[in-house]
C-alpha atoms as a PDB file:
ATOM      1  CA  GLN A   1      54.990 -13.469  83.718  1.00  0.00           C
ATOM      2  CA  VAL A   2      53.592 -13.642  80.209  1.00  0.00           C
ATOM      3  CA  GLN A   3      50.762 -16.057  79.648  1.00  0.00           C
ATOM      4  CA  LEU A   4      48.684 -16.883  76.593  1.00  0.00           C
ATOM      5  CA  VAL A   5      45.532 -18.829  77.293  1.00  0.00           C
ATOM      6  CA  GLU A   6      43.418 -20.230  74.521  1.00  0.00           C
ATOM      7  CA  SER A   7      39.745 -21.158  74.767  1.00  0.00           C
ATOM      8  CA  GLY A   8      36.817 -21.993  72.532  1.00  0.00           C
ATOM      9  CA  GLY A   9      37.890 -25.319  71.078  1.00  0.00           C
ATOM     10  CA  GLY A  10      35.625 -28.303  71.026  1.00  0.00           C
ATOM     11  CA  LEU A  11      33.724 -30.779  68.893  1.00  0.00           C
ATOM     12  CA  VAL A  12      31.672 -29.514  65.998  1.00  0.00           C
ATOM     13  CA  GLN A  13      29.988 -31.080  63.006  1.00  0.00           C
ATOM     14  CA  ALA A  14      31.372 -30.468  59.543  1.00  0.00           C
ATOM     15  CA  GLY A  15      30.053 -27.175  58.250  1.00  0.00           C
ATOM     16  CA  GLY A  16      29.800 -25.781  61.746  1.00  0.00           C
ATOM     17  CA  SER A  17      31.608 -22.884  63.419  1.00  0.00           C
ATOM     18  CA  LEU A  18      33.786 -22.283  66.407  1.00  0.00           C
ATOM     19  CA  ARG A  19      35.325 -19.138  67.791  1.00  0.00           C
ATOM     20  CA  LEU A  20      38.734 -19.410  69.447  1.00  0.00           C
ATOM     21  CA  SER A  21      39.973 -16.779  71.863  1.00  0.00           C
ATOM     22  CA  CYS A  22      43.417 -16.083  73.196  1.00  0.00           C
ATOM     23  CA  ALA A  23      43.914 -13.943  76.273  1.00  0.00           C
ATOM     24  CA  ALA A  24      47.347 -12.500  76.855  1.00  0.00           C
ATOM     25  CA  SER A  25      48.585 -11.278  80.183  1.00  0.00           C
ATOM     26  CA  GLY A  26      51.850 -10.033  81.637  1.00  0.00           C
ATOM     27  CA  ARG A  27      52.561  -7.391  79.012  1.00  0.00           C
ATOM     28  CA  THR A  28      51.129  -5.840  75.905  1.00  0.00           C
ATOM     29  CA  PHE A  29      52.166  -6.793  72.397  1.00  0.00           C
ATOM     30  CA  GLY A  30      50.750  -3.967  70.357  1.00  0.00           C
ATOM     31  CA  SER A  31      53.703  -3.715  67.965  1.00  0.00           C
ATOM     32  CA  TYR A  32      54.116  -7.443  67.375  1.00  0.00           C
ATOM     33  CA  ALA A  33      52.428  -9.944  65.160  1.00  0.00           C
ATOM     34  CA  MET A  34      50.051 -12.270  66.928  1.00  0.00           C
ATOM     35  CA  GLY A  35      48.773 -15.404  65.338  1.00  0.00           C
ATOM     36  CA  TRP A  36      47.151 -18.764  65.437  1.00  0.00           C
ATOM     37  CA  TYR A  37      48.980 -21.940  64.545  1.00  0.00           C
ATOM     38  CA  ARG A  38      47.688 -25.483  64.422  1.00  0.00           C
ATOM     39  CA  ARG A  39      49.154 -28.937  64.532  1.00  0.00           C
ATOM     40  CA  ALA A  40      47.061 -31.699  62.998  1.00  0.00           C
ATOM     41  CA  PRO A  41      47.781 -35.369  63.835  1.00  0.00           C
ATOM     42  CA  GLY A  42      50.834 -36.533  61.967  1.00  0.00           C
ATOM     43  CA  LYS A  43      51.521 -33.129  60.474  1.00  0.00           C
ATOM     44  CA  GLN A  44      53.845 -30.273  61.181  1.00  0.00           C
ATOM     45  CA  ARG A  45      52.652 -27.151  62.873  1.00  0.00           C
ATOM     46  CA  GLU A  46      51.421 -24.527  60.423  1.00  0.00           C
ATOM     47  CA  LEU A  47      50.543 -20.859  60.640  1.00  0.00           C
ATOM     48  CA  VAL A  48      46.815 -20.462  60.212  1.00  0.00           C
ATOM     49  CA  ALA A  49      46.322 -16.728  60.544  1.00  0.00           C
ATOM     50  CA  GLN A  50      48.335 -13.794  61.737  1.00  0.00           C
ATOM     51  CA  ILE A  51      47.771 -10.122  62.377  1.00  0.00           C
ATOM     52  CA  ASP A  52      50.832  -7.889  62.612  1.00  0.00           C
ATOM     53  CA  GLY A  53      51.489  -4.678  64.478  1.00  0.00           C
ATOM     54  CA  GLY A  54      50.186  -2.645  61.574  1.00  0.00           C
ATOM     55  CA  GLY A  55      46.959  -4.616  61.354  1.00  0.00           C
ATOM     56  CA  ARG A  56      47.934  -6.539  58.249  1.00  0.00           C
ATOM     57  CA  ILE A  57      46.413  -9.993  58.152  1.00  0.00           C
ATOM     58  CA  THR A  58      47.586 -13.171  56.492  1.00  0.00           C
ATOM     59  CA  TYR A  59      45.874 -16.532  56.230  1.00  0.00           C
ATOM     60  CA  VAL A  60      47.022 -19.914  55.042  1.00  0.00           C
ATOM     61  CA  ASP A  61      45.294 -20.601  51.731  1.00  0.00           C
ATOM     62  CA  SER A  62      43.214 -23.477  53.080  1.00  0.00           C
ATOM     63  CA  VAL A  63      41.288 -21.221  55.482  1.00  0.00           C
ATOM     64  CA  LYS A  64      40.839 -18.108  53.368  1.00  0.00           C
ATOM     65  CA  GLY A  65      37.203 -17.105  53.215  1.00  0.00           C
ATOM     66  CA  ARG A  66      36.311 -19.308  56.180  1.00  0.00           C
ATOM     67  CA  PHE A  67      38.426 -18.033  59.085  1.00  0.00           C
ATOM     68  CA  THR A  68      38.704 -14.495  60.436  1.00  0.00           C
ATOM     69  CA  ILE A  69      41.306 -13.270  62.874  1.00  0.00           C
ATOM     70  CA  ALA A  70      40.783 -10.165  64.965  1.00  0.00           C
ATOM     71  CA  ASP A  71      42.515  -8.503  67.902  1.00  0.00           C
ATOM     72  CA  ASP A  72      42.218  -5.600  70.264  1.00  0.00           C
ATOM     73  CA  ASN A  73      44.638  -2.714  69.917  1.00  0.00           C
ATOM     74  CA  ASP A  74      47.033  -3.898  72.561  1.00  0.00           C
ATOM     75  CA  LYS A  75      46.842  -7.528  71.495  1.00  0.00           C
ATOM     76  CA  LEU A  76      45.665  -8.547  74.900  1.00  0.00           C
ATOM     77  CA  ALA A  77      43.114 -10.664  73.130  1.00  0.00           C
ATOM     78  CA  VAL A  78      42.987 -12.236  69.702  1.00  0.00           C
ATOM     79  CA  THR A  79      40.162 -14.303  68.286  1.00  0.00           C
ATOM     80  CA  LEU A  80      39.815 -16.705  65.425  1.00  0.00           C
ATOM     81  CA  GLN A  81      36.333 -17.125  64.005  1.00  0.00           C
ATOM     82  CA  MET A  82      36.211 -20.408  62.129  1.00  0.00           C
ATOM     83  CA  ASN A  83      33.282 -21.113  59.831  1.00  0.00           C
ATOM     84  CA  ASN A  84      32.414 -23.982  57.519  1.00  0.00           C
ATOM     85  CA  LEU A  85      34.765 -26.302  59.378  1.00  0.00           C
ATOM     86  CA  SER A  86      35.858 -29.551  57.803  1.00  0.00           C
ATOM     87  CA  ALA A  87      37.681 -32.644  58.979  1.00  0.00           C
ATOM     88  CA  GLU A  88      40.913 -31.106  57.600  1.00  0.00           C
ATOM     89  CA  ASP A  89      40.638 -28.402  60.244  1.00  0.00           C
ATOM     90  CA  ARG A  90      40.944 -30.896  63.051  1.00  0.00           C
ATOM     91  CA  ALA A  91      44.009 -29.925  65.080  1.00  0.00           C
ATOM     92  CA  VAL A  92      45.292 -28.424  68.257  1.00  0.00           C
ATOM     93  CA  TYR A  93      45.273 -24.642  67.801  1.00  0.00           C
ATOM     94  CA  TYR A  94      47.902 -22.522  69.478  1.00  0.00           C
ATOM     95  CA  CYS A  95      48.128 -18.815  70.081  1.00  0.00           C
ATOM     96  CA  ASN A  96      51.512 -17.217  69.494  1.00  0.00           C
ATOM     97  CA  VAL A  97      53.271 -13.881  69.852  1.00  0.00           C
ATOM     98  CA  ILE A  98      57.034 -13.460  69.604  1.00  0.00           C
ATOM     99  CA  ASN A  99      58.330 -16.610  71.334  1.00  0.00           C
ATOM    100  CA  PHE A 100      55.396 -17.067  73.652  1.00  0.00           C
ATOM    101  CA  TRP A 101      52.927 -19.908  73.127  1.00  0.00           C
ATOM    102  CA  GLY A 102      49.704 -20.969  74.712  1.00  0.00           C
ATOM    103  CA  LYS A 103      49.062 -24.583  75.653  1.00  0.00           C
ATOM    104  CA  GLY A 104      46.607 -25.036  72.823  1.00  0.00           C
ATOM    105  CA  THR A 105      42.958 -25.838  72.382  1.00  0.00           C
ATOM    106  CA  GLN A 106      41.641 -28.913  70.581  1.00  0.00           C
ATOM    107  CA  VAL A 107      39.350 -28.556  67.603  1.00  0.00           C
ATOM    108  CA  THR A 108      37.632 -31.710  66.425  1.00  0.00           C
ATOM    109  CA  VAL A 109      35.306 -31.823  63.436  1.00  0.00           C
ATOM    110  CA  SER A 110      32.992 -34.752  62.952  1.00  0.00           C
ATOM    111  CA  SER A 111      31.775 -35.713  59.480  1.00  0.00           C
END
């Protein structure tokens, strides 16, 4: 059974950092894109960062230069280092690969 489990969310002051982790189990996803999405209150879910099977990385414009995604070769783990957080980054962050989703981890940024 495939599971994606996120961790690392929490409350941080504006300008602070958090590191999210996603642990995958049940199979490997080395050839697939793995990414982080977020859903902020009252907004649609958006792709934050993604790393594909070839190692190519994409970021939504609003996090470029602040967030860094990384994975292991088999995509059993993917991390999202988030620096210089702002109130606009407040959201539930979800790990995704193919059609599998984690339950999410809350990120709250206080001003």
